[in-house]
Amino acid sequence: LYSDGAGTVASMVEAAEARGLKAVALTDHGFELSMGIPREKLAPMLQDIGIAREDAGIQVLAGLEANVVDEWGTIDVDDESIRKLDILLVAIHKLGEARDPSELARDYLRRATNAIERHKFDVFVHPFYFHHYLAPHLLPEDLEDFVRLAAGHEVAIEINIKYRTPDEEFLRLCLREGVKLSVGTDAHTAGEVGRVDWALGVLRRVG
């Protein structure tokens, strides 16, 4: 794809069809991540997705995974680009200077909270994962406030198969507060598309 994935749009869509999916979202990384899509490549990417959509027997969504670039929740995809997308994901790939896990977790929470409050988007992805899972380093009431915020802004929380986050306790909290869940393979190759067995097992366990 156009950022750090391997393969073509067509190969990803073909893999989704072969695995029996009803839809697939193609979501390259946003503009300012080191391996993100160059801004000038957005139009060719959308064109390729449009071509694949015409030939596909399933729904094909064009999206980006925007990056939160500062503590105020700013994202690296502009409004004009967002209007061209079917789906917008937001993720945190960078925090401040290395500190203890509790400080990292609070920094993460602040950035994620501000992003939800400032921007309209669909899914918050690999939640509370930054080299390792940070949610256990936050107070339960902080996580509850975050989940209620996501519910109020109609932001879905991803069950990320690559990093296997968030944990079941967090997912139960999401379900209790009415937050929608999005199963994401984080597929970077066609072979990873649609491999959702782990997530489905988790969903069964949390009800």
Protein backbone atom coordinates (compact mmCIF):
# COMPACT_ATOMS: atom_id res chain seq x y z
CA LEU A 1 0.00 0.00 0.00
CA TYR A 2 1.06 3.62 0.37
CA SER A 3 2.63 3.68 3.83
CA ASP A 4 4.19 0.70 5.62
CA GLY A 5 2.02 -2.06 4.16
CA ALA A 6 3.09 -4.69 1.63
CA GLY A 7 1.08 -5.50 -1.46
CA THR A 8 -1.48 -3.60 -3.51
CA VAL A 9 -4.97 -2.31 -2.91
CA ALA A 10 -6.28 -4.98 -5.27
CA SER A 11 -4.50 -7.78 -3.39
CA MET A 12 -5.92 -6.64 -0.05
CA VAL A 13 -9.45 -6.47 -1.42
CA GLU A 14 -9.09 -9.87 -3.10
CA ALA A 15 -7.88 -11.35 0.19
CA ALA A 16 -10.87 -9.86 2.02
CA GLU A 17 -13.25 -11.40 -0.48
CA ALA A 18 -11.49 -14.77 -0.31
CA ARG A 19 -11.86 -14.85 3.48
CA GLY A 20 -15.57 -14.13 3.25
CA LEU A 21 -15.60 -10.59 4.64
CA LYS A 22 -18.56 -8.37 3.84
CA ALA A 23 -16.43 -5.23 3.83
CA VAL A 24 -12.83 -4.09 4.09
CA ALA A 25 -11.35 -0.71 5.05
CA LEU A 26 -7.99 0.36 3.62
CA THR A 27 -6.40 2.75 6.09
CA ASP A 28 -2.83 3.81 5.46
CA HIS A 29 -0.98 5.83 8.09
CA GLY A 30 -1.43 9.60 8.08
CA PHE A 31 0.88 12.20 6.62
CA GLU A 32 3.30 13.01 9.44
CA LEU A 33 4.27 9.54 10.63
CA SER A 34 7.71 8.59 9.35
CA MET A 35 6.27 5.64 7.41
CA GLY A 36 3.00 7.42 6.63
CA ILE A 37 1.52 8.14 3.23
CA PRO A 38 3.00 11.24 1.55
CA ARG A 39 0.33 13.89 1.16
CA GLU A 40 0.72 13.89 -2.64
CA LYS A 41 -0.02 10.15 -2.74
CA LEU A 42 -3.53 10.51 -1.27
CA ALA A 43 -5.17 11.11 -4.66
CA PRO A 44 -3.52 8.06 -6.31
CA MET A 45 -4.46 5.95 -3.29
CA LEU A 46 -8.10 7.00 -3.49
CA GLN A 47 -8.07 6.33 -7.23
CA ASP A 48 -6.72 2.81 -6.70
CA ILE A 49 -9.36 2.16 -4.05
CA GLY A 50 -12.05 3.43 -6.39
CA ILE A 51 -10.92 1.03 -9.11
CA ALA A 52 -10.83 -1.89 -6.68
CA ARG A 53 -14.29 -0.95 -5.41
CA GLU A 54 -15.75 -1.17 -8.92
CA ASP A 55 -14.51 -4.73 -9.36
CA ALA A 56 -15.20 -5.95 -5.81
CA GLY A 57 -18.13 -8.00 -4.65
CA ILE A 58 -17.87 -6.50 -1.15
CA GLN A 59 -17.92 -3.01 0.31
CA VAL A 60 -14.53 -1.26 0.07
CA LEU A 61 -13.90 1.75 2.31
CA ALA A 62 -11.20 4.37 1.80
CA GLY A 63 -9.65 5.61 5.01
CA LEU A 64 -6.61 6.86 6.85
CA GLU A 65 -5.16 6.23 10.28
CA ALA A 66 -4.44 9.75 11.46
CA ASN A 67 -1.73 10.37 14.04
CA VAL A 68 -2.10 12.44 17.19
CA VAL A 69 0.94 14.69 16.91
CA ASP A 70 0.90 16.66 20.18
CA GLU A 71 -0.48 16.76 23.70
CA TRP A 72 -3.43 18.92 22.57
CA GLY A 73 -4.78 16.12 20.39
CA THR A 74 -3.95 17.64 17.01
CA ILE A 75 -4.11 15.10 14.16
CA ASP A 76 -2.05 15.07 10.98
CA VAL A 77 -4.90 14.77 8.46
CA ASP A 78 -6.56 18.01 7.38
CA ASP A 79 -10.30 18.59 6.96
CA GLU A 80 -10.11 18.70 3.16
CA SER A 81 -8.50 15.25 3.07
CA ILE A 82 -10.94 13.87 5.64
CA ARG A 83 -13.89 14.86 3.45
CA LYS A 84 -12.56 12.52 0.75
CA LEU A 85 -12.57 9.49 3.07
CA ASP A 86 -15.20 6.95 4.03
CA ILE A 87 -13.67 6.24 7.43
CA LEU A 88 -11.18 8.00 9.69
CA LEU A 89 -9.16 6.21 12.35
CA VAL A 90 -7.02 7.95 14.96
CA ALA A 91 -4.01 6.52 16.77
CA ILE A 92 -1.15 7.56 19.01
CA HIS A 93 2.31 6.57 17.78
CA LYS A 94 4.41 9.12 19.66
CA LEU A 95 4.55 10.42 23.21
CA GLY A 96 6.86 12.79 25.05
CA GLU A 97 10.27 11.87 26.40
CA ALA A 98 10.69 8.41 27.92
CA ARG A 99 9.47 8.31 31.51
CA ASP A 100 8.02 5.78 33.90
CA PRO A 101 4.93 3.83 32.74
CA SER A 102 2.49 5.86 34.85
CA GLU A 103 3.63 9.15 33.31
CA LEU A 104 3.50 7.63 29.83
CA ALA A 105 -0.02 6.39 30.50
CA ARG A 106 -1.20 9.81 31.69
CA ASP A 107 0.39 11.49 28.66
CA TYR A 108 -1.33 8.96 26.40
CA LEU A 109 -4.69 9.51 28.10
CA ARG A 110 -4.39 13.31 27.81
CA ARG A 111 -3.61 13.14 24.07
CA ALA A 112 -6.35 10.62 23.37
CA THR A 113 -8.92 12.61 25.36
CA ASN A 114 -8.06 15.84 23.58
CA ALA A 115 -8.20 14.15 20.17
CA ILE A 116 -11.72 12.87 20.83
CA GLU A 117 -12.87 16.24 22.11
CA ARG A 118 -11.38 18.17 19.16
CA HIS A 119 -12.05 15.94 16.15
CA LYS A 120 -14.86 13.96 14.59
CA PHE A 121 -13.61 10.47 13.71
CA ASP A 122 -14.81 6.90 13.62
CA VAL A 123 -12.42 4.57 15.45
CA PHE A 124 -9.67 4.97 18.06
CA VAL A 125 -7.17 2.24 17.25
CA HIS A 126 -4.76 0.06 19.27
CA PRO A 127 -6.02 1.83 22.41
CA PHE A 128 -3.54 2.46 25.21
CA TYR A 129 -0.78 0.54 23.43
CA PHE A 130 2.59 2.26 23.21
CA HIS A 131 5.37 -0.35 23.11
CA HIS A 132 3.36 -2.08 25.82
CA TYR A 133 -0.16 -1.87 27.25
CA LEU A 134 -0.54 1.25 29.40
CA ALA A 135 -4.12 0.99 30.70
CA PRO A 136 -3.13 -0.89 33.91
CA HIS A 137 -1.09 2.17 34.92
CA LEU A 138 -4.19 4.40 34.99
CA LEU A 139 -6.85 4.75 37.67
CA PRO A 140 -10.13 2.92 37.02
CA GLU A 141 -12.05 6.20 37.17
CA ASP A 142 -9.76 7.69 34.48
CA LEU A 143 -10.54 4.80 32.15
CA GLU A 144 -14.25 5.08 32.93
CA ASP A 145 -14.20 8.80 32.06
CA PHE A 146 -12.39 8.04 28.80
CA VAL A 147 -14.85 5.35 27.78
CA ARG A 148 -17.81 7.61 28.56
CA LEU A 149 -16.19 10.33 26.45
CA ALA A 150 -15.83 7.90 23.54
CA ALA A 151 -19.47 6.90 23.92
CA GLY A 152 -20.61 10.51 23.93
CA HIS A 153 -18.66 11.30 20.76
CA GLU A 154 -19.68 8.04 19.04
CA VAL A 155 -16.06 6.90 18.70
CA ALA A 156 -15.64 3.15 18.38
CA ILE A 157 -12.79 1.39 20.18
CA GLU A 158 -10.69 -1.04 18.20
CA ILE A 159 -9.92 -4.57 19.28
CA ASN A 160 -6.46 -4.68 17.74
CA ILE A 161 -5.37 -8.14 16.69
CA LYS A 162 -1.73 -7.27 16.05
CA TYR A 163 -1.10 -6.01 19.60
CA ARG A 164 -4.00 -7.87 21.24
CA THR A 165 -5.32 -4.80 23.00
CA PRO A 166 -7.29 -3.66 24.91
CA ASP A 167 -7.80 -6.18 27.68
CA GLU A 168 -11.11 -7.85 28.49
CA GLU A 169 -11.79 -5.63 31.51
CA PHE A 170 -11.57 -2.55 29.30
CA LEU A 171 -13.84 -4.14 26.69
CA ARG A 172 -16.45 -4.97 29.32
CA LEU A 173 -16.33 -1.32 30.40
CA CYS A 174 -16.90 -0.27 26.77
CA LEU A 175 -19.89 -2.58 26.46
CA ARG A 176 -21.35 -1.35 29.74
CA GLU A 177 -21.10 2.27 28.59
CA GLY A 178 -22.45 1.62 25.10
CA VAL A 179 -19.21 2.09 23.15
CA LYS A 180 -19.12 0.32 19.80
CA LEU A 181 -16.23 -2.06 19.15
CA SER A 182 -14.30 -2.32 15.89
CA VAL A 183 -12.37 -5.49 15.09
CA GLY A 184 -9.13 -4.48 13.40
CA THR A 185 -6.55 -6.88 12.01
CA ASP A 186 -4.00 -4.08 11.52
CA ALA A 187 -3.17 -6.08 8.40
CA HIS A 188 -0.01 -4.95 6.61
CA THR A 189 -0.05 -7.87 4.16
CA ALA A 190 -2.77 -9.64 2.22
CA GLY A 191 -2.16 -12.78 4.27
CA GLU A 192 -3.21 -10.96 7.46
CA VAL A 193 -6.51 -9.66 6.08
CA GLY A 194 -9.57 -11.08 7.80
CA ARG A 195 -7.74 -13.18 10.39
CA VAL A 196 -10.04 -12.25 13.24
CA ASP A 197 -10.30 -15.50 15.24
CA TRP A 198 -8.53 -14.12 18.32
CA ALA A 199 -10.80 -11.08 18.46
CA LEU A 200 -13.94 -13.16 18.03
CA GLY A 201 -12.81 -15.36 20.91
CA VAL A 202 -12.35 -12.32 23.11
CA LEU A 203 -15.77 -10.99 22.15
CA ARG A 204 -17.39 -14.28 23.08
CA ARG A 205 -15.72 -14.22 26.49
CA VAL A 206 -16.83 -10.66 27.28
CA GLY A 207 -20.36 -11.34 26.05
